[in-house]
Amino acid sequence: MSTRHGTDADPAELAGVLAAWMPHQRWFAAKGDGAPVVPRPVGRAVLGPGMTVELVEVASADGTTTLYQVPLSLRAVEDPALAAALVGRVGSDGPDGRWVYDGLRDPALVRAWLRLLADGGTATGADGTVVHGVRQPGGAPLDPDAPAKVLAGEQSNTSVVVDAGGPAPAIVKLFRVLAPGENPDVVVQSALAVAGCERVPRPVGRLEGTWWATDGGAPVHGHLAFASEFLAGSEDAWRVACRAVDAGAGFEAQARALGGGTAEVHTTLAEVLPTRPATPELLAGLADGLRARVDWAVAQAPELAPHADAARAAVDGVRQARAGLVLQQVHGDYHLGQVLHSPARGWVLLDFEGEPLRPLAERLAPDLALRDVAGMLRSFDYAARHATVGLPPDDPRVAAATAWAEGCRTAFLEGYGAVTGHDPREDAALLLALELDKALYEVVYETRNRPGWVAVPMHAVNRLLPLHLG
């Protein structure tokens, strides 16, 4: 085991440059909420001279706070090779000043960071912050000196692909938003892998951390990063599906296989992680929560107002769900972008973290497996309609998209039911309520971010509510 220490940057100065830099990062959660960004240093672990893992807390306009993990590299001399990763400068303009860079873009810091994982090493800070590597028993080796590259396009986290062309490529995900406790991405994927499920990448290891609670309490513990096998040559299901749509090709066989793979994962999770009966009291609480989300969506998107009463009645159908339903661990944020197609393994599910800004306790709590099913059905609809945005309703391509999505829907549900022995369509009212909940959220999201896309989820709202009334 190794221990590294020593740095000379003032946390308050680093917080100052982070205040200008963080709002422009894809993983920053409080973009545009109107609150000034004032990072508060919470902890620091030192990977080596001029290489730190900073933990900083930022308050949102509503008073809630978010804890971020930000690796930083500090250089006495400006490094042109890292120009695109520049965070800012701290200290004087003389020799005591430091150039600050996004640490995961600095090969030296990445090597030190990966070595913690490879060796089971420990990095500490003067404030008591600790970062510790834990190897997965039986996991593939990780070479910290192998070529490493940051994966582009991620929203909530930052991942580094290691030795992509080597014999044991890995991908290491750094969790940007932290909370005390176990991250479901680590817990769920590891549990599936240990159970022998081939529908998830095999874990390699993880980084765990200890830091002082932000409320001034005792030290807390949580997951900082998670490493698993990198499936070279794979492609995410969203791209595969959209390519089929653009080519006018069917996707039913792939959707049926994905339904079966999803059911395999759900079945295994119900065997290896806690479950609980869906009592009438729990179903009533779920219905109340769905009604509250209807009210929230209507307040955020006025075009939903004419549908408010019908939507409330539809989600109330949850109260009459059949006896015998079980709550279990689920994916929690399931869509085509969370699935890879591997030439060797078929469909492989990723990113069991759930929605990163929800409390960990909620993300690890047992839920309805149908919530994942509903999420994937909505994703098929989005894939079908990605090329029809802006087209008039009577355009033949709109009808073709509807038929494509319906074919995928039917095939996915058939594939799922073939594995579980229970067709999700037999729980029609519950499935409709969960799909509607997802579609209402999508209307709000598109209204705020992509107004031209609002027609996609609104089409779903208009389709689902007549089904309820019928």
Protein backbone atom coordinates (compact mmCIF):
# COMPACT_ATOMS: atom_id res chain seq x y z
CA MET A 1 0.00 0.00 0.00
CA SER A 2 1.26 3.49 -0.82
CA THR A 3 0.53 6.87 0.73
CA ARG A 4 1.08 10.19 -1.04
CA HIS A 5 0.98 13.66 0.43
CA GLY A 6 1.98 17.28 -0.07
CA THR A 7 0.62 20.27 -2.03
CA ASP A 8 0.94 24.01 -1.74
CA ALA A 9 -2.32 25.47 -3.10
CA ASP A 10 -4.69 27.35 -0.84
CA PRO A 11 -8.20 25.79 -0.91
CA ALA A 12 -9.88 29.20 -0.86
CA GLU A 13 -7.93 30.31 -3.93
CA LEU A 14 -8.79 27.10 -5.72
CA ALA A 15 -12.45 27.66 -4.88
CA GLY A 16 -12.22 31.06 -6.51
CA VAL A 17 -11.07 29.71 -9.87
CA LEU A 18 -13.53 26.82 -9.64
CA ALA A 19 -16.38 29.32 -9.27
CA ALA A 20 -15.76 30.55 -12.81
CA TRP A 21 -14.99 27.13 -14.30
CA MET A 22 -17.53 24.72 -12.82
CA PRO A 23 -20.72 26.20 -14.33
CA HIS A 24 -19.35 25.46 -17.82
CA GLN A 25 -18.83 21.74 -17.16
CA ARG A 26 -21.38 19.23 -18.43
CA TRP A 27 -21.55 17.52 -15.04
CA PHE A 28 -22.38 20.70 -13.09
CA ALA A 29 -25.94 20.24 -11.86
CA ALA A 30 -27.01 23.81 -11.07
CA LYS A 31 -26.66 25.44 -14.49
CA GLY A 32 -28.91 28.46 -14.92
CA ASP A 33 -30.67 28.29 -11.55
CA GLY A 34 -29.76 31.92 -10.82
CA ALA A 35 -27.68 31.32 -7.71
CA PRO A 36 -24.08 32.58 -7.62
CA VAL A 37 -21.60 29.71 -7.73
CA VAL A 38 -19.59 29.82 -4.51
CA PRO A 39 -17.69 26.55 -4.06
CA ARG A 40 -16.96 25.77 -0.42
CA PRO A 41 -13.93 23.51 0.16
CA VAL A 42 -14.94 20.39 2.08
CA GLY A 43 -11.97 18.07 1.68
CA ARG A 44 -8.76 17.36 -0.21
CA ALA A 45 -6.74 14.23 -0.84
CA VAL A 46 -3.28 14.51 -2.37
CA LEU A 47 -2.30 12.05 -5.10
CA GLY A 48 1.20 13.48 -5.48
CA PRO A 49 3.02 16.82 -5.78
CA GLY A 50 0.62 19.24 -7.42
CA MET A 51 -2.10 16.60 -7.85
CA THR A 52 -5.22 16.70 -5.68
CA VAL A 53 -8.76 15.43 -5.44
CA GLU A 54 -10.86 18.36 -4.25
CA LEU A 55 -14.29 17.99 -2.65
CA VAL A 56 -16.31 21.20 -2.91
CA GLU A 57 -19.87 22.01 -1.95
CA VAL A 58 -22.08 24.36 -3.99
CA ALA A 59 -25.45 25.76 -2.89
CA SER A 60 -28.36 26.03 -5.34
CA ALA A 61 -30.97 28.76 -5.51
CA ASP A 62 -33.45 26.63 -3.54
CA GLY A 63 -31.01 26.29 -0.65
CA THR A 64 -30.02 22.68 -1.30
CA THR A 65 -26.34 21.84 -1.58
CA THR A 66 -24.43 19.47 -3.85
CA LEU A 67 -21.01 17.98 -3.14
CA TYR A 68 -18.73 17.67 -6.18
CA GLN A 69 -15.53 15.72 -6.74
CA VAL A 70 -12.95 17.67 -8.76
CA PRO A 71 -9.44 16.27 -9.40
CA LEU A 72 -7.01 19.11 -10.11
CA SER A 73 -3.47 19.32 -11.42
CA LEU A 74 -1.30 22.29 -10.41
CA ARG A 75 1.76 23.30 -12.41
CA ALA A 76 4.40 25.93 -11.71
CA VAL A 77 4.83 26.40 -15.47
CA GLU A 78 2.03 26.73 -17.99
CA ASP A 79 1.59 23.54 -20.02
CA PRO A 80 0.46 24.20 -23.63
CA ALA A 81 -0.54 20.55 -24.00
CA LEU A 82 -3.19 21.09 -21.32
CA ALA A 83 -4.50 24.41 -22.62
CA ALA A 84 -8.00 23.04 -23.23
CA ALA A 85 -8.11 21.76 -19.64
CA LEU A 86 -7.14 25.06 -17.98
CA VAL A 87 -9.21 25.91 -14.91
CA GLY A 88 -7.38 29.09 -13.93
CA ARG A 89 -4.38 30.45 -12.06
CA VAL A 90 -3.84 30.82 -8.33
CA GLY A 91 -1.22 32.67 -6.34
CA SER A 92 0.99 35.47 -7.55
CA ASP A 93 2.12 36.10 -11.11
CA GLY A 94 5.64 35.16 -10.03
CA PRO A 95 7.27 31.79 -9.37
CA ASP A 96 4.93 31.07 -6.45
CA GLY A 97 1.86 31.06 -8.69
CA ARG A 98 0.29 27.89 -10.05
CA TRP A 99 -1.57 26.98 -13.23
CA VAL A 100 -4.60 24.85 -12.40
CA TYR A 101 -5.83 22.17 -14.81
CA ASP A 102 -8.70 19.69 -14.95
CA GLY A 103 -6.94 16.71 -13.40
CA LEU A 104 -8.44 13.94 -15.51
CA ARG A 105 -6.97 15.60 -18.62
CA ASP A 106 -3.47 15.42 -17.12
CA PRO A 107 -1.81 12.06 -17.91
CA ALA A 108 0.41 12.29 -14.82
CA LEU A 109 -2.54 12.70 -12.47
CA VAL A 110 -4.51 9.97 -14.24
CA ARG A 111 -1.61 7.55 -13.75
CA ALA A 112 -1.43 8.37 -10.04
CA TRP A 113 -5.21 8.05 -9.73
CA LEU A 114 -5.28 4.70 -11.54
CA ARG A 115 -2.40 3.40 -9.46
CA LEU A 116 -4.55 3.74 -6.34
CA LEU A 117 -6.99 1.34 -7.99
CA ALA A 118 -4.34 -1.02 -9.32
CA ASP A 119 -2.38 -1.25 -6.05
CA GLY A 120 -5.16 -0.82 -3.51
CA GLY A 121 -3.33 2.34 -2.47
CA THR A 122 -4.34 5.26 -0.28
CA ALA A 123 -4.11 9.03 -0.76
CA THR A 124 -4.69 11.34 2.19
CA GLY A 125 -5.05 15.02 2.98
CA ALA A 126 -4.10 17.15 5.95
CA ASP A 127 -7.80 17.63 6.75
CA GLY A 128 -8.35 13.88 7.15
CA THR A 129 -9.79 13.22 3.70
CA VAL A 130 -8.89 9.74 2.42
CA VAL A 131 -9.12 8.13 -1.03
CA HIS A 132 -8.59 4.37 -1.01
CA GLY A 133 -8.47 1.82 -3.84
CA VAL A 134 -10.28 -1.52 -3.54
CA ARG A 135 -9.65 -4.31 -6.04
CA GLN A 136 -12.56 -6.50 -7.12
CA PRO A 137 -11.86 -10.12 -6.09
CA GLY A 138 -11.14 -12.01 -9.28
CA GLY A 139 -11.26 -8.83 -11.33
CA ALA A 140 -9.05 -8.25 -14.36
CA PRO A 141 -5.72 -6.46 -13.79
CA LEU A 142 -5.54 -2.72 -14.34
CA ASP A 143 -2.39 -1.19 -15.83
CA PRO A 144 -2.08 2.42 -14.59
CA ASP A 145 0.66 3.14 -17.15
CA ALA A 146 -1.42 2.04 -20.15
CA PRO A 147 -2.83 4.66 -22.55
CA ALA A 148 -5.86 6.39 -21.05
CA LYS A 149 -8.44 8.70 -22.59
CA VAL A 150 -11.37 10.65 -21.18
CA LEU A 151 -14.66 9.52 -22.72
CA ALA A 152 -16.47 12.35 -24.50
CA GLY A 153 -20.17 13.13 -24.29
CA GLU A 154 -21.00 12.20 -20.69
CA GLN A 155 -23.40 14.37 -18.73
CA SER A 156 -23.31 13.49 -15.04
CA ASN A 157 -19.89 11.90 -14.51
CA THR A 158 -16.46 11.61 -16.14
CA SER A 159 -15.07 8.29 -17.37
CA VAL A 160 -11.57 7.30 -18.43
CA VAL A 161 -10.98 4.41 -20.84
CA VAL A 162 -7.75 2.55 -20.02
CA ASP A 163 -5.80 0.38 -22.47
CA ALA A 164 -8.61 0.35 -25.03
CA GLY A 165 -6.59 -1.77 -27.46
CA GLY A 166 -5.00 -4.02 -24.86
CA PRO A 167 -5.85 -7.45 -23.50
CA ALA A 168 -7.84 -6.16 -20.50
CA PRO A 169 -9.35 -2.75 -21.34
CA ALA A 170 -11.18 -1.00 -18.52
CA ILE A 171 -13.37 2.04 -18.01
CA VAL A 172 -13.16 4.01 -14.77
CA LYS A 173 -16.06 6.27 -13.90
CA LEU A 174 -15.43 9.17 -11.52
CA PHE A 175 -18.62 10.17 -9.74
CA ARG A 176 -18.88 13.94 -9.92
CA VAL A 177 -21.76 14.30 -7.44
CA LEU A 178 -21.01 12.65 -4.10
CA ALA A 179 -23.08 11.61 -1.12
CA PRO A 180 -22.31 9.53 1.95
CA GLY A 181 -23.15 5.89 1.50
CA GLU A 182 -22.93 3.25 -1.19
CA ASN A 183 -23.46 4.28 -4.79
CA PRO A 184 -26.04 2.02 -6.48
CA ASP A 185 -23.90 1.81 -9.61
CA VAL A 186 -21.27 -0.03 -7.56
CA VAL A 187 -23.68 -2.05 -5.44
CA VAL A 188 -26.04 -3.21 -8.19
CA GLN A 189 -23.52 -3.95 -10.93
CA SER A 190 -21.23 -5.77 -8.48
CA ALA A 191 -24.11 -7.87 -7.14
CA LEU A 192 -25.15 -8.85 -10.66
CA ALA A 193 -21.60 -9.75 -11.66
CA VAL A 194 -20.99 -11.84 -8.54
CA ALA A 195 -24.22 -13.70 -9.31
CA GLY A 196 -22.82 -14.58 -12.74
CA CYS A 197 -25.06 -12.29 -14.78
CA GLU A 198 -23.52 -11.69 -18.22
CA ARG A 199 -25.75 -8.67 -18.88
CA VAL A 200 -23.39 -6.26 -17.08
CA PRO A 201 -19.69 -5.43 -17.47
CA ARG A 202 -17.45 -7.26 -15.00
CA PRO A 203 -16.19 -5.01 -12.17
CA VAL A 204 -12.45 -4.33 -11.80
CA GLY A 205 -12.38 -2.24 -8.62
CA ARG A 206 -13.49 0.97 -6.99
CA LEU A 207 -12.25 4.04 -5.15
CA GLU A 208 -13.77 4.78 -1.78
CA GLY A 209 -13.45 7.99 0.19
CA THR A 210 -13.76 9.36 3.69
CA TRP A 211 -14.42 13.05 4.32
CA TRP A 212 -15.92 15.28 6.97
CA ALA A 213 -19.71 15.60 6.79
CA THR A 214 -20.69 18.91 5.24
CA ASP A 215 -22.97 19.68 8.20
CA GLY A 216 -19.98 19.64 10.55
CA GLY A 217 -20.66 16.16 11.89
CA ALA A 218 -18.48 13.08 11.99
CA PRO A 219 -16.49 11.72 9.03
CA VAL A 220 -18.58 9.97 6.36
CA HIS A 221 -17.76 7.32 3.80
CA GLY A 222 -18.79 6.93 0.15
CA HIS A 223 -17.88 5.70 -3.31
CA LEU A 224 -15.74 8.00 -5.48
CA ALA A 225 -15.13 5.95 -8.64
CA PHE A 226 -15.96 2.58 -10.18
CA ALA A 227 -13.89 0.55 -12.65
CA SER A 228 -15.23 -2.22 -14.87
CA GLU A 229 -14.33 -4.00 -18.09
CA PHE A 230 -14.50 -1.90 -21.25
CA LEU A 231 -16.41 -3.68 -24.01
CA ALA A 232 -14.38 -2.75 -27.06
CA GLY A 233 -16.29 -2.77 -30.32
CA SER A 234 -19.64 -2.26 -28.62
CA GLU A 235 -22.18 0.41 -29.57
CA ASP A 236 -24.89 2.03 -27.51
CA ALA A 237 -28.44 0.93 -28.21
CA TRP A 238 -29.63 4.47 -28.95
CA ARG A 239 -27.30 4.69 -31.95
CA VAL A 240 -28.23 1.19 -33.11
CA ALA A 241 -31.95 1.95 -32.87
CA CYS A 242 -31.74 5.36 -34.55
CA ARG A 243 -29.72 3.87 -37.38
CA ALA A 244 -32.48 1.33 -37.93
CA VAL A 245 -35.10 4.09 -37.97
CA ASP A 246 -33.10 6.13 -40.48
CA ALA A 247 -32.68 3.08 -42.72
CA GLY A 248 -36.36 2.19 -42.54
CA ALA A 249 -35.41 -1.13 -40.97
CA GLY A 250 -37.32 -3.05 -38.34
CA PHE A 251 -36.00 -3.44 -34.82
CA GLU A 252 -38.39 -6.00 -33.39
CA ALA A 253 -35.86 -8.83 -33.03
CA GLN A 254 -33.41 -6.57 -31.21
CA ALA A 255 -36.18 -5.17 -28.99
CA ARG A 256 -37.36 -8.67 -28.10
CA ALA A 257 -33.83 -9.69 -27.12
CA LEU A 258 -33.46 -6.50 -25.08
CA GLY A 259 -36.73 -7.26 -23.29
CA GLY A 260 -35.40 -10.69 -22.41
CA GLY A 261 -32.08 -9.27 -21.22
CA THR A 262 -33.83 -6.67 -19.08
CA ALA A 263 -35.94 -9.40 -17.50
CA GLU A 264 -32.82 -11.48 -16.79
CA VAL A 265 -31.33 -8.55 -14.89
CA HIS A 266 -34.55 -7.88 -12.96
CA THR A 267 -34.89 -11.56 -12.08
CA THR A 268 -31.32 -11.75 -10.79
CA LEU A 269 -31.67 -8.54 -8.79
CA ALA A 270 -34.78 -9.90 -7.10
CA GLU A 271 -32.77 -12.98 -6.10
CA VAL A 272 -29.64 -11.28 -4.74
CA LEU A 273 -30.81 -7.93 -3.31
CA PRO A 274 -33.63 -7.10 -0.88
CA THR A 275 -37.27 -7.10 -1.98
CA ARG A 276 -40.49 -6.15 -0.23
CA PRO A 277 -44.19 -6.71 -0.93
CA ALA A 278 -46.06 -3.91 -2.68
CA THR A 279 -48.66 -3.46 0.07
CA PRO A 280 -51.79 -1.33 -0.48
CA GLU A 281 -50.19 1.32 1.71
CA LEU A 282 -47.08 1.43 -0.47
CA LEU A 283 -49.17 1.57 -3.65
CA ALA A 284 -51.23 4.41 -2.18
CA GLY A 285 -48.02 6.28 -1.41
CA LEU A 286 -46.82 5.69 -4.95
CA ALA A 287 -50.10 7.03 -6.33
CA ASP A 288 -49.85 10.11 -4.12
CA GLY A 289 -46.32 10.72 -5.38
CA LEU A 290 -47.40 10.35 -8.99
CA ARG A 291 -50.29 12.79 -8.45
CA ALA A 292 -47.85 15.31 -6.98
CA ARG A 293 -45.64 14.91 -10.06
CA VAL A 294 -48.67 15.54 -12.29
CA ASP A 295 -49.34 18.78 -10.42
CA TRP A 296 -45.69 19.77 -10.71
CA ALA A 297 -45.60 19.05 -14.44
CA VAL A 298 -48.80 21.02 -15.11
CA ALA A 299 -47.39 23.99 -13.21
CA GLN A 300 -44.16 23.87 -15.23
CA ALA A 301 -45.69 23.25 -18.68
CA PRO A 302 -49.01 25.08 -19.21
CA GLU A 303 -49.80 23.04 -22.34
CA LEU A 304 -50.49 20.13 -19.99
CA ALA A 305 -53.32 21.95 -18.18
CA PRO A 306 -56.14 20.48 -20.33
CA HIS A 307 -54.88 17.00 -19.48
CA ALA A 308 -54.47 17.52 -15.73
CA ASP A 309 -57.67 15.85 -14.49
CA ALA A 310 -57.32 12.85 -16.80
CA ALA A 311 -53.67 12.44 -15.79
CA ARG A 312 -54.53 12.48 -12.09
CA ALA A 313 -57.21 9.86 -12.64
CA ALA A 314 -54.80 7.71 -14.65
CA VAL A 315 -52.10 7.63 -11.99
CA ASP A 316 -54.72 6.90 -9.35
CA GLY A 317 -55.17 3.55 -11.08
CA VAL A 318 -52.01 2.45 -9.28
CA ARG A 319 -54.08 2.04 -6.11
CA GLN A 320 -55.93 -0.88 -7.69
CA ALA A 321 -52.82 -2.75 -8.83
CA ARG A 322 -52.99 -6.53 -8.46
CA ALA A 323 -52.00 -8.31 -5.29
CA GLY A 324 -48.64 -10.03 -5.26
CA LEU A 325 -46.55 -7.24 -6.76
CA VAL A 326 -43.04 -7.05 -5.35
CA LEU A 327 -40.73 -4.07 -5.01
CA GLN A 328 -37.09 -4.74 -5.85
CA GLN A 329 -33.84 -3.05 -6.87
CA VAL A 330 -34.16 -1.66 -10.39
CA HIS A 331 -31.99 0.28 -12.82
CA GLY A 332 -33.74 3.55 -12.03
CA ASP A 333 -32.87 5.56 -15.15
CA TYR A 334 -33.38 3.06 -17.94
CA HIS A 335 -33.32 3.98 -21.62
CA LEU A 336 -31.53 3.01 -24.81
CA GLY A 337 -28.52 5.16 -23.94
CA GLN A 338 -27.90 2.94 -20.89
CA VAL A 339 -27.46 -0.22 -22.96
CA LEU A 340 -24.59 -1.44 -25.13
CA HIS A 341 -24.67 -4.00 -27.90
CA SER A 342 -21.56 -6.16 -27.69
CA PRO A 343 -20.74 -8.49 -30.60
CA ALA A 344 -19.68 -11.13 -28.08
CA ARG A 345 -22.26 -10.62 -25.30
CA GLY A 346 -25.37 -9.14 -26.92
CA TRP A 347 -27.19 -6.50 -24.89
CA VAL A 348 -25.29 -5.28 -21.82
CA LEU A 349 -26.79 -2.86 -19.29
CA LEU A 350 -24.82 0.08 -17.85
CA ASP A 351 -25.05 2.90 -15.34
CA PHE A 352 -27.10 1.60 -12.42
CA GLU A 353 -26.50 4.86 -10.58
CA GLY A 354 -30.10 6.03 -11.03
CA GLU A 355 -30.80 9.76 -11.21
CA PRO A 356 -27.62 11.26 -9.66
CA LEU A 357 -29.36 14.14 -7.88
CA ARG A 358 -31.85 11.93 -6.06
CA PRO A 359 -30.81 10.93 -2.51
CA LEU A 360 -28.85 7.67 -2.33
CA ALA A 361 -31.41 6.13 0.00
CA GLU A 362 -34.13 6.63 -2.61
CA ARG A 363 -31.98 5.21 -5.41
CA LEU A 364 -31.18 2.09 -3.40
CA ALA A 365 -34.76 1.58 -2.21
CA PRO A 366 -36.77 -1.26 -3.77
CA ASP A 367 -39.04 -0.07 -6.58
CA LEU A 368 -41.34 -1.46 -9.25
CA ALA A 369 -39.53 -3.28 -12.04
CA LEU A 370 -42.18 -1.86 -14.37
CA ARG A 371 -40.61 1.56 -13.90
CA ASP A 372 -37.62 0.38 -15.94
CA VAL A 373 -39.96 -1.19 -18.49
CA ALA A 374 -41.82 2.10 -18.87
CA GLY A 375 -38.56 4.00 -19.30
CA MET A 376 -37.46 1.76 -22.17
CA LEU A 377 -40.85 2.01 -23.89
CA ARG A 378 -40.54 5.79 -23.84
CA SER A 379 -37.01 5.50 -25.22
CA PHE A 380 -38.25 3.45 -28.20
CA ASP A 381 -40.74 6.24 -28.90
CA TYR A 382 -37.98 8.86 -28.83
CA ALA A 383 -35.79 6.82 -31.16
CA ALA A 384 -38.69 6.40 -33.57
CA ARG A 385 -39.48 10.11 -33.63
CA HIS A 386 -36.00 11.63 -33.59
CA ALA A 387 -36.19 12.18 -37.35
CA THR A 388 -39.80 13.43 -37.40
CA VAL A 389 -39.38 16.51 -35.19
CA GLY A 390 -40.97 19.46 -36.98
CA LEU A 391 -42.88 17.37 -39.51
CA PRO A 392 -46.65 17.87 -39.91
CA PRO A 393 -48.78 15.14 -38.31
CA ASP A 394 -50.03 13.89 -41.68
CA ASP A 395 -46.52 13.29 -43.04
CA PRO A 396 -46.13 9.57 -43.88
CA ARG A 397 -42.89 9.48 -41.90
CA VAL A 398 -44.83 10.24 -38.72
CA ALA A 399 -47.09 7.24 -39.28
CA ALA A 400 -44.04 5.09 -40.03
CA ALA A 401 -42.42 6.22 -36.76
CA THR A 402 -45.57 5.31 -34.84
CA ALA A 403 -45.60 1.84 -36.39
CA TRP A 404 -41.88 1.34 -35.68
CA ALA A 405 -42.28 2.30 -32.01
CA GLU A 406 -45.34 0.09 -31.62
CA GLY A 407 -43.50 -2.87 -33.11
CA CYS A 408 -40.60 -2.37 -30.70
CA ARG A 409 -42.98 -1.97 -27.80
CA THR A 410 -44.78 -5.22 -28.51
CA ALA A 411 -41.56 -7.16 -29.09
CA PHE A 412 -39.86 -5.81 -25.94
CA LEU A 413 -42.83 -6.70 -23.75
CA GLU A 414 -43.05 -10.17 -25.30
CA GLY A 415 -39.36 -10.76 -24.71
CA TYR A 416 -39.65 -9.56 -21.13
CA GLY A 417 -42.67 -11.72 -20.39
CA ALA A 418 -41.06 -14.80 -21.94
CA VAL A 419 -38.35 -14.68 -19.26
CA THR A 420 -40.41 -13.65 -16.24
CA GLY A 421 -43.50 -15.69 -17.09
CA HIS A 422 -45.66 -12.59 -16.63
CA ASP A 423 -46.49 -10.21 -19.48
CA PRO A 424 -46.21 -6.59 -18.26
CA ARG A 425 -49.33 -5.76 -20.27
CA GLU A 426 -51.32 -7.70 -17.69
CA ASP A 427 -50.56 -4.80 -15.33
CA ALA A 428 -51.90 -2.32 -17.86
CA ALA A 429 -53.06 0.41 -15.47
CA LEU A 430 -49.78 0.41 -13.57
CA LEU A 431 -47.65 0.40 -16.72
CA LEU A 432 -49.74 3.22 -18.19
CA ALA A 433 -49.32 5.32 -15.03
CA LEU A 434 -45.54 4.89 -15.06
CA GLU A 435 -45.28 5.66 -18.78
CA LEU A 436 -47.45 8.73 -18.31
CA ASP A 437 -45.30 9.90 -15.41
CA LYS A 438 -42.23 9.63 -17.63
CA ALA A 439 -43.92 11.42 -20.54
CA LEU A 440 -45.06 14.31 -18.33
CA TYR A 441 -41.51 14.77 -17.07
CA GLU A 442 -40.31 14.76 -20.69
CA VAL A 443 -42.78 17.52 -21.59
CA VAL A 444 -41.32 19.70 -18.85
CA TYR A 445 -37.75 18.90 -19.89
CA GLU A 446 -38.37 19.65 -23.56
CA THR A 447 -40.28 22.84 -22.75
CA ARG A 448 -37.24 24.10 -20.86
CA ASN A 449 -34.48 22.82 -23.11
CA ARG A 450 -35.72 21.85 -26.59
CA PRO A 451 -39.09 23.44 -27.35
CA GLY A 452 -39.07 21.98 -30.84
CA TRP A 453 -39.20 18.48 -29.33
CA VAL A 454 -42.24 18.99 -27.09
CA ALA A 455 -44.43 17.29 -29.67
CA VAL A 456 -42.67 13.96 -29.02
CA PRO A 457 -43.77 13.49 -25.38
CA MET A 458 -47.06 15.32 -26.00
CA HIS A 459 -47.90 12.67 -28.60
CA ALA A 460 -47.37 10.07 -25.86
CA VAL A 461 -49.59 11.97 -23.41
CA ASN A 462 -52.36 12.15 -26.00
CA ARG A 463 -51.97 8.42 -26.74
CA LEU A 464 -51.86 7.25 -23.14
CA LEU A 465 -54.77 9.21 -21.72
CA PRO A 466 -57.38 7.86 -24.18
CA LEU A 467 -56.16 4.38 -23.25
CA HIS A 468 -56.92 5.21 -19.63
CA LEU A 469 -60.36 6.56 -20.49
CA GLY A 470 -61.07 3.49 -22.59
